[in-house]
Amino acid sequence: MKKSYRLEDLDCANCAAKMERAVAGVAGVNRVTISFMAQKMVLDAADERFEAILDEAEACIKRVDANCRVIRK
């Protein structure tokens, strides 16, 4: 499953790169891109565990930048 999420308060391109590397290491993630310019994350992950993977991805993002939020819709 592939979904796109807006990121709020993503401060810099370096943080986005760190977040992308961290989320890519989560089990079940097929591909992830995090764009500082677009302030968004595109996550492609296993369908059966998608919500759990998204939770783990959000935790990775918070470890890099505690103020950054994933806007879920």
N, C-alpha and C. Protein backbone atom coordinates (compact mmCIF):
# COMPACT_ATOMS: atom_id res chain seq x y z
N MET A 1 0.84 -1.17 0.00
CA MET A 1 0.00 0.00 0.00
C MET A 1 0.89 1.24 0.00
N LYS A 2 0.50 2.22 -0.78
CA LYS A 2 1.28 3.45 -0.88
C LYS A 2 0.38 4.62 -0.52
N LYS A 3 0.83 5.42 0.45
CA LYS A 3 0.05 6.59 0.88
C LYS A 3 0.97 7.77 1.09
N SER A 4 0.39 8.95 0.96
CA SER A 4 1.11 10.20 1.14
C SER A 4 0.58 10.92 2.37
N TYR A 5 1.49 11.51 3.15
CA TYR A 5 1.12 12.22 4.37
C TYR A 5 1.82 13.57 4.42
N ARG A 6 1.11 14.58 4.86
CA ARG A 6 1.71 15.90 5.06
C ARG A 6 2.49 15.89 6.36
N LEU A 7 3.63 16.55 6.36
CA LEU A 7 4.44 16.69 7.57
C LEU A 7 4.37 18.14 8.02
N GLU A 8 4.14 18.33 9.29
CA GLU A 8 4.03 19.67 9.85
C GLU A 8 5.27 19.97 10.68
N ASP A 9 5.85 21.15 10.50
CA ASP A 9 7.02 21.62 11.24
C ASP A 9 8.29 20.82 10.94
N LEU A 10 8.45 20.38 9.71
CA LEU A 10 9.70 19.75 9.27
C LEU A 10 10.68 20.90 9.01
N ASP A 11 11.76 20.95 9.79
CA ASP A 11 12.63 22.13 9.83
C ASP A 11 13.68 22.24 8.75
N CYS A 12 14.25 21.12 8.30
CA CYS A 12 15.36 21.26 7.35
C CYS A 12 15.50 20.01 6.48
N ALA A 13 16.22 20.18 5.37
CA ALA A 13 16.45 19.08 4.44
C ALA A 13 17.30 17.98 5.07
N ASN A 14 18.24 18.37 5.92
CA ASN A 14 19.08 17.38 6.59
C ASN A 14 18.23 16.49 7.50
N CYS A 15 17.29 17.09 8.22
CA CYS A 15 16.39 16.30 9.08
C CYS A 15 15.55 15.35 8.23
N ALA A 16 15.07 15.85 7.09
CA ALA A 16 14.26 15.01 6.20
C ALA A 16 15.06 13.79 5.74
N ALA A 17 16.33 13.99 5.40
CA ALA A 17 17.19 12.88 4.96
C ALA A 17 17.39 11.87 6.09
N LYS A 18 17.62 12.37 7.31
CA LYS A 18 17.78 11.48 8.46
C LYS A 18 16.51 10.69 8.72
N MET A 19 15.36 11.36 8.62
CA MET A 19 14.07 10.69 8.82
C MET A 19 13.85 9.61 7.77
N GLU A 20 14.18 9.93 6.54
CA GLU A 20 13.99 8.97 5.45
C GLU A 20 14.83 7.72 5.68
N ARG A 21 16.08 7.89 6.09
CA ARG A 21 16.94 6.73 6.37
C ARG A 21 16.38 5.91 7.53
N ALA A 22 15.90 6.57 8.58
CA ALA A 22 15.37 5.87 9.75
C ALA A 22 14.11 5.08 9.40
N VAL A 23 13.20 5.72 8.67
CA VAL A 23 11.94 5.05 8.31
C VAL A 23 12.21 3.91 7.34
N ALA A 24 13.17 4.06 6.45
CA ALA A 24 13.51 2.99 5.50
C ALA A 24 13.96 1.73 6.22
N GLY A 25 14.48 1.87 7.42
CA GLY A 25 14.94 0.72 8.19
C GLY A 25 13.85 -0.02 8.95
N VAL A 26 12.65 0.49 8.93
CA VAL A 26 11.52 -0.16 9.63
C VAL A 26 11.10 -1.40 8.84
N ALA A 27 10.93 -2.51 9.55
CA ALA A 27 10.52 -3.76 8.91
C ALA A 27 9.16 -3.58 8.23
N GLY A 28 9.08 -3.99 6.96
CA GLY A 28 7.83 -3.90 6.22
C GLY A 28 7.75 -2.70 5.29
N VAL A 29 8.70 -1.77 5.41
CA VAL A 29 8.73 -0.60 4.52
C VAL A 29 9.37 -1.01 3.19
N ASN A 30 8.63 -0.85 2.11
CA ASN A 30 9.16 -1.14 0.77
C ASN A 30 9.95 0.05 0.23
N ARG A 31 9.38 1.25 0.44
CA ARG A 31 10.03 2.47 -0.05
C ARG A 31 9.44 3.65 0.70
N VAL A 32 10.28 4.62 0.98
CA VAL A 32 9.81 5.86 1.61
C VAL A 32 10.58 7.04 1.02
N THR A 33 9.88 8.13 0.81
CA THR A 33 10.52 9.38 0.44
C THR A 33 9.96 10.47 1.32
N ILE A 34 10.84 11.30 1.84
CA ILE A 34 10.44 12.44 2.65
C ILE A 34 11.02 13.67 1.99
N SER A 35 10.14 14.60 1.65
CA SER A 35 10.54 15.82 0.95
C SER A 35 10.40 17.03 1.87
N PHE A 36 11.53 17.71 2.09
CA PHE A 36 11.50 18.93 2.89
C PHE A 36 10.74 20.02 2.13
N MET A 37 11.01 20.17 0.85
CA MET A 37 10.37 21.23 0.06
C MET A 37 8.85 21.06 0.00
N ALA A 38 8.39 19.83 -0.16
CA ALA A 38 6.96 19.57 -0.25
C ALA A 38 6.33 19.37 1.12
N GLN A 39 7.16 19.19 2.14
CA GLN A 39 6.67 18.92 3.51
C GLN A 39 5.75 17.70 3.51
N LYS A 40 6.24 16.61 2.87
CA LYS A 40 5.42 15.40 2.84
C LYS A 40 6.27 14.13 2.83
N MET A 41 5.59 13.05 3.21
CA MET A 41 6.19 11.72 3.21
C MET A 41 5.31 10.83 2.35
N VAL A 42 5.94 10.06 1.46
CA VAL A 42 5.25 9.03 0.70
C VAL A 42 5.77 7.70 1.22
N LEU A 43 4.85 6.90 1.75
CA LEU A 43 5.21 5.63 2.38
C LEU A 43 4.59 4.48 1.62
N ASP A 44 5.42 3.55 1.19
CA ASP A 44 4.99 2.32 0.53
C ASP A 44 5.39 1.19 1.46
N ALA A 45 4.38 0.49 2.00
CA ALA A 45 4.65 -0.54 3.00
C ALA A 45 3.66 -1.69 2.86
N ALA A 46 3.96 -2.77 3.57
CA ALA A 46 3.13 -3.97 3.54
C ALA A 46 1.69 -3.66 3.97
N ASP A 47 0.73 -4.11 3.17
CA ASP A 47 -0.69 -3.82 3.43
C ASP A 47 -1.17 -4.32 4.78
N GLU A 48 -0.80 -5.53 5.12
CA GLU A 48 -1.34 -6.18 6.33
C GLU A 48 -0.87 -5.52 7.63
N ARG A 49 0.22 -4.80 7.59
CA ARG A 49 0.75 -4.14 8.81
C ARG A 49 0.87 -2.63 8.64
N PHE A 50 0.16 -2.07 7.70
CA PHE A 50 0.40 -0.67 7.34
C PHE A 50 0.27 0.28 8.53
N GLU A 51 -0.76 0.17 9.31
CA GLU A 51 -0.96 1.09 10.44
C GLU A 51 0.15 0.96 11.48
N ALA A 52 0.57 -0.26 11.76
CA ALA A 52 1.67 -0.48 12.71
C ALA A 52 2.97 0.09 12.17
N ILE A 53 3.20 -0.07 10.87
CA ILE A 53 4.41 0.47 10.24
C ILE A 53 4.37 1.99 10.27
N LEU A 54 3.20 2.57 10.03
CA LEU A 54 3.06 4.03 10.08
C LEU A 54 3.34 4.54 11.50
N ASP A 55 2.89 3.81 12.51
CA ASP A 55 3.19 4.19 13.90
C ASP A 55 4.70 4.18 14.16
N GLU A 56 5.37 3.14 13.68
CA GLU A 56 6.83 3.05 13.84
C GLU A 56 7.54 4.16 13.07
N ALA A 57 7.05 4.47 11.88
CA ALA A 57 7.63 5.54 11.07
C ALA A 57 7.49 6.88 11.80
N GLU A 58 6.34 7.10 12.39
CA GLU A 58 6.11 8.34 13.13
C GLU A 58 7.05 8.43 14.34
N ALA A 59 7.30 7.32 15.00
CA ALA A 59 8.24 7.30 16.13
C ALA A 59 9.66 7.64 15.65
N CYS A 60 10.04 7.12 14.49
CA CYS A 60 11.36 7.44 13.92
C CYS A 60 11.48 8.93 13.63
N ILE A 61 10.44 9.50 13.08
CA ILE A 61 10.41 10.92 12.76
C ILE A 61 10.54 11.75 14.02
N LYS A 62 9.83 11.36 15.07
CA LYS A 62 9.88 12.08 16.35
C LYS A 62 11.27 12.02 16.98
N ARG A 63 11.99 10.92 16.78
CA ARG A 63 13.34 10.81 17.34
C ARG A 63 14.30 11.80 16.66
N VAL A 64 14.07 12.07 15.39
CA VAL A 64 14.92 13.01 14.66
C VAL A 64 14.52 14.45 14.99
N ASP A 65 13.23 14.72 14.99
CA ASP A 65 12.72 16.07 15.27
C ASP A 65 11.43 15.95 16.06
N ALA A 66 11.51 16.20 17.35
CA ALA A 66 10.36 16.03 18.25
C ALA A 66 9.17 16.92 17.89
N ASN A 67 9.41 18.01 17.16
CA ASN A 67 8.33 18.93 16.82
C ASN A 67 7.60 18.59 15.53
N CYS A 68 8.16 17.70 14.74
CA CYS A 68 7.57 17.33 13.45
C CYS A 68 6.40 16.37 13.68
N ARG A 69 5.29 16.64 12.98
CA ARG A 69 4.10 15.79 13.11
C ARG A 69 3.69 15.23 11.76
N VAL A 70 3.23 13.98 11.78
CA VAL A 70 2.65 13.37 10.59
C VAL A 70 1.15 13.64 10.65
N ILE A 71 0.63 14.27 9.63
CA ILE A 71 -0.81 14.58 9.58
C ILE A 71 -1.52 13.41 8.91
N ARG A 72 -2.28 12.67 9.70
CA ARG A 72 -3.01 11.50 9.18
C ARG A 72 -4.42 11.91 8.81
N LYS A 73 -4.86 11.48 7.65
CA LYS A 73 -6.24 11.78 7.22
C LYS A 73 -6.93 10.56 6.73
